[in-house]
């Protein structure tokens, strides 16, 4: 059995170089059967790593797919200046469509259009599917069998959520312009080529 400090260093290094979130099960597979830490030991080590980075510019964050290092959101104003080429801004229509799918899933395109009061462009649906933020999770049992959309683990990971329960209550989303500006900064950081490197 590996002692606490070496275990923390191994996990820290693995998460740093992985380039994607790592689950507890994936972290356990780093070790041979004879020295494999149990789930409790891994979680204790991850908590110690998170505490170590509490006062730093990066943090250990748990998302739906596992643990990853990332820059703290409070530094986004400065970090966004690292990339000259700006990622495309997402339209308000795309963000509204994504929000409706996240909060009302499963939902059809027609239901999104009814709520928004305008037609949803096929480009919006295509973009959300390509980014793997949404997926078809079934078909409504009505004439035409329209597709039902729901969010994905990639959506949760991208927005630093473990579950949909962590979405802010709709009552908190009253200042849409401020929310949209904050989301654009977060999206720009997350879609930049260097975004995965803390």
Protein backbone atom coordinates (compact mmCIF):
# COMPACT_ATOMS: atom_id res chain seq x y z
CA UNK A 1 0.00 0.00 0.00
CA UNK A 2 1.32 3.43 -0.96
CA UNK A 3 1.50 6.01 1.81
CA UNK A 4 -0.51 9.24 1.69
CA UNK A 5 2.07 11.70 0.37
CA UNK A 6 3.35 9.59 -2.57
CA UNK A 7 -0.27 8.72 -3.43
CA UNK A 8 -1.16 12.41 -3.61
CA UNK A 9 1.83 13.15 -5.84
CA UNK A 10 0.97 10.28 -8.22
CA UNK A 11 -2.67 11.36 -8.49
CA UNK A 12 -1.71 15.00 -8.92
CA UNK A 13 0.68 14.13 -11.78
CA UNK A 14 -1.85 11.84 -13.47
CA UNK A 15 -4.63 14.44 -13.38
CA UNK A 16 -2.24 17.15 -14.57
CA UNK A 17 -1.18 15.26 -17.72
CA UNK A 18 -4.41 13.43 -18.57
CA UNK A 19 -5.98 16.22 -20.63
CA UNK A 20 -9.46 15.07 -19.59
CA UNK A 21 -11.27 14.40 -16.32
CA UNK A 22 -10.25 11.16 -14.57
CA UNK A 23 -12.69 9.15 -12.46
CA UNK A 24 -11.77 7.45 -9.19
CA UNK A 25 -11.91 4.09 -11.01
CA UNK A 26 -9.48 5.35 -13.67
CA UNK A 27 -7.13 6.64 -10.96
CA UNK A 28 -7.24 3.28 -9.19
CA UNK A 29 -6.17 1.55 -12.43
CA UNK A 30 -2.85 3.43 -12.26
CA UNK A 31 -1.77 0.96 -9.56
CA UNK A 32 -1.01 -2.75 -9.62
CA UNK A 33 -3.57 -4.95 -7.89
CA UNK A 34 -1.33 -5.51 -4.85
CA UNK A 35 -0.84 -1.80 -4.13
CA UNK A 36 -4.17 -0.46 -5.45
CA UNK A 37 -5.70 2.10 -3.04
CA UNK A 38 -9.39 1.76 -2.24
CA UNK A 39 -11.98 4.40 -3.13
CA UNK A 40 -11.80 6.02 0.32
CA UNK A 41 -8.00 6.43 0.10
CA UNK A 42 -8.24 7.94 -3.39
CA UNK A 43 -10.94 10.40 -2.29
CA UNK A 44 -8.97 11.37 0.83
CA UNK A 45 -5.90 12.02 -1.35
CA UNK A 46 -8.00 14.08 -3.80
CA UNK A 47 -9.40 16.14 -0.91
CA UNK A 48 -5.85 16.78 0.32
CA UNK A 49 -4.77 17.86 -3.19
CA UNK A 50 -7.80 20.18 -3.46
CA UNK A 51 -6.94 21.72 -0.07
CA UNK A 52 -3.33 22.23 -1.20
CA UNK A 53 -4.53 24.26 -4.20
CA UNK A 54 -7.19 26.22 -2.29
CA UNK A 55 -5.12 29.43 -2.27
CA UNK A 56 -3.58 28.99 -5.73
CA UNK A 57 -4.53 30.11 -9.24
CA UNK A 58 -5.65 26.62 -10.22
CA UNK A 59 -8.01 24.21 -8.53
CA UNK A 60 -8.89 20.54 -8.55
CA UNK A 61 -12.48 20.32 -9.75
CA UNK A 62 -14.83 17.34 -9.84
CA UNK A 63 -17.14 17.20 -12.85
CA UNK A 64 -19.52 14.52 -14.11
CA UNK A 65 -16.65 12.56 -15.72
CA UNK A 66 -14.13 12.87 -12.91
CA UNK A 67 -11.42 15.14 -11.56
CA UNK A 68 -9.41 17.74 -13.47
CA UNK A 69 -7.20 20.74 -12.84
CA UNK A 70 -8.40 24.07 -14.16
CA UNK A 71 -7.73 27.76 -13.77
CA UNK A 72 -10.02 29.41 -11.26
CA UNK A 73 -12.89 31.34 -12.86
CA UNK A 74 -11.97 34.51 -10.93
CA UNK A 75 -8.90 34.86 -13.18
CA UNK A 76 -10.79 34.58 -16.47
CA UNK A 77 -10.51 38.32 -17.24
CA UNK A 78 -6.71 38.06 -17.35
CA UNK A 79 -6.42 34.56 -18.79
CA UNK A 80 -8.71 35.29 -21.72
CA UNK A 81 -6.06 37.75 -23.00
CA UNK A 82 -3.62 34.88 -23.57
CA UNK A 83 -5.29 33.94 -26.82
CA UNK A 84 -5.26 36.44 -29.68
CA UNK A 85 -7.65 34.40 -31.78
CA UNK A 86 -11.03 34.61 -30.15
CA UNK A 87 -13.34 31.63 -30.34
CA UNK A 88 -16.69 32.34 -31.96
CA UNK A 89 -19.24 33.99 -29.76
CA UNK A 90 -22.39 32.00 -29.24
CA UNK A 91 -25.62 33.70 -30.15
CA UNK A 92 -28.30 34.43 -27.61
CA UNK A 93 -30.56 32.04 -29.54
CA UNK A 94 -28.05 29.20 -29.11
CA UNK A 95 -27.62 29.91 -25.40
CA UNK A 96 -31.39 30.11 -24.86
CA UNK A 97 -31.88 26.82 -26.73
CA UNK A 98 -29.17 25.13 -24.67
CA UNK A 99 -30.67 26.47 -21.43
CA UNK A 100 -34.13 25.20 -22.35
CA UNK A 101 -32.76 21.75 -23.16
CA UNK A 102 -30.79 21.68 -19.90
CA UNK A 103 -33.71 22.77 -17.70
CA UNK A 104 -36.61 21.06 -19.48
CA UNK A 105 -35.11 17.83 -20.84
CA UNK A 106 -36.25 15.68 -22.45
CA UNK A 107 -37.60 18.25 -24.90
CA UNK A 108 -38.33 18.38 -28.62
CA UNK A 109 -37.26 21.12 -31.01
CA UNK A 110 -40.94 22.10 -31.45
CA UNK A 111 -41.31 22.51 -27.67
CA UNK A 112 -38.21 24.74 -27.59
CA UNK A 113 -39.73 26.80 -30.42
CA UNK A 114 -43.06 27.10 -28.55
CA UNK A 115 -41.31 28.42 -25.45
CA UNK A 116 -38.97 30.79 -27.32
CA UNK A 117 -41.69 31.91 -29.72
CA UNK A 118 -39.36 31.63 -32.73
CA UNK A 119 -38.06 28.88 -35.00
CA UNK A 120 -34.89 27.11 -33.85
CA UNK A 121 -32.35 27.18 -36.65
CA UNK A 122 -31.03 23.77 -37.69
CA UNK A 123 -27.56 25.35 -37.40
CA UNK A 124 -28.10 25.81 -33.64
CA UNK A 125 -29.10 22.18 -33.14
CA UNK A 126 -26.18 21.03 -35.31
CA UNK A 127 -23.69 23.16 -33.35
CA UNK A 128 -24.92 21.82 -30.00
CA UNK A 129 -24.77 18.24 -31.29
CA UNK A 130 -21.25 18.76 -32.74
CA UNK A 131 -20.00 20.22 -29.47
CA UNK A 132 -21.52 17.14 -27.81
CA UNK A 133 -23.42 19.31 -25.33
CA UNK A 134 -26.72 17.71 -26.33
CA UNK A 135 -27.78 14.35 -27.79
CA UNK A 136 -30.92 12.64 -28.99
CA UNK A 137 -32.17 10.56 -26.07
CA UNK A 138 -35.30 9.18 -27.69
CA UNK A 139 -38.35 10.03 -29.75
CA UNK A 140 -41.74 11.37 -28.65
CA UNK A 141 -44.57 8.90 -29.33
CA UNK A 142 -46.63 11.30 -31.44
CA UNK A 143 -47.09 11.60 -35.22
CA UNK A 144 -43.75 12.32 -36.85
CA UNK A 145 -41.88 10.93 -33.81
CA UNK A 146 -39.84 14.09 -33.11
CA UNK A 147 -36.43 13.68 -31.49
CA UNK A 148 -36.12 14.30 -27.74
CA UNK A 149 -33.00 16.20 -26.72
CA UNK A 150 -31.07 16.06 -23.48
CA UNK A 151 -27.68 17.22 -22.25
CA UNK A 152 -24.55 15.07 -22.08
CA UNK A 153 -21.68 14.41 -19.69
CA UNK A 154 -19.59 16.67 -21.96
CA UNK A 155 -22.06 19.50 -21.21
CA UNK A 156 -21.71 18.89 -17.47
CA UNK A 157 -17.91 18.71 -17.73
CA UNK A 158 -17.71 21.88 -19.82
CA UNK A 159 -19.72 23.87 -17.31
CA UNK A 160 -18.02 22.31 -14.25
CA UNK A 161 -21.10 20.48 -13.03
CA UNK A 162 -21.30 17.04 -11.44
CA UNK A 163 -25.05 16.75 -11.98
CA UNK A 164 -27.92 18.79 -13.43
CA UNK A 165 -28.97 19.53 -9.83
CA UNK A 166 -26.06 21.97 -9.70
CA UNK A 167 -27.60 24.21 -12.38
CA UNK A 168 -28.58 27.53 -10.82
CA UNK A 169 -32.28 27.85 -10.02
CA UNK A 170 -34.16 29.65 -12.79
CA UNK A 171 -35.10 32.39 -10.32
CA UNK A 172 -31.39 33.33 -10.14
CA UNK A 173 -31.21 33.86 -13.89
CA UNK A 174 -33.02 37.19 -13.90
CA UNK A 175 -30.22 39.38 -15.28
CA UNK A 176 -29.81 37.60 -18.62
CA UNK A 177 -27.36 40.12 -20.11
CA UNK A 178 -24.93 39.72 -17.19
CA UNK A 179 -25.36 35.94 -17.25
CA UNK A 180 -24.72 35.88 -21.01
CA UNK A 181 -21.53 37.98 -20.67
CA UNK A 182 -20.20 35.69 -17.93
CA UNK A 183 -21.03 32.59 -19.97
CA UNK A 184 -19.26 34.01 -23.06
CA UNK A 185 -16.05 34.54 -21.04
CA UNK A 186 -16.26 30.99 -19.65
CA UNK A 187 -16.88 29.56 -23.13
CA UNK A 188 -13.95 31.52 -24.60
CA UNK A 189 -11.62 30.19 -21.93
CA UNK A 190 -12.86 26.63 -22.26
CA UNK A 191 -12.67 26.54 -26.08
CA UNK A 192 -9.20 28.06 -26.37
CA UNK A 193 -6.48 25.58 -27.40
CA UNK A 194 -4.54 26.02 -24.16
CA UNK A 195 -7.65 25.84 -21.96
CA UNK A 196 -6.96 22.31 -20.79
CA UNK A 197 -3.56 23.26 -19.43
CA UNK A 198 -3.74 25.00 -16.05
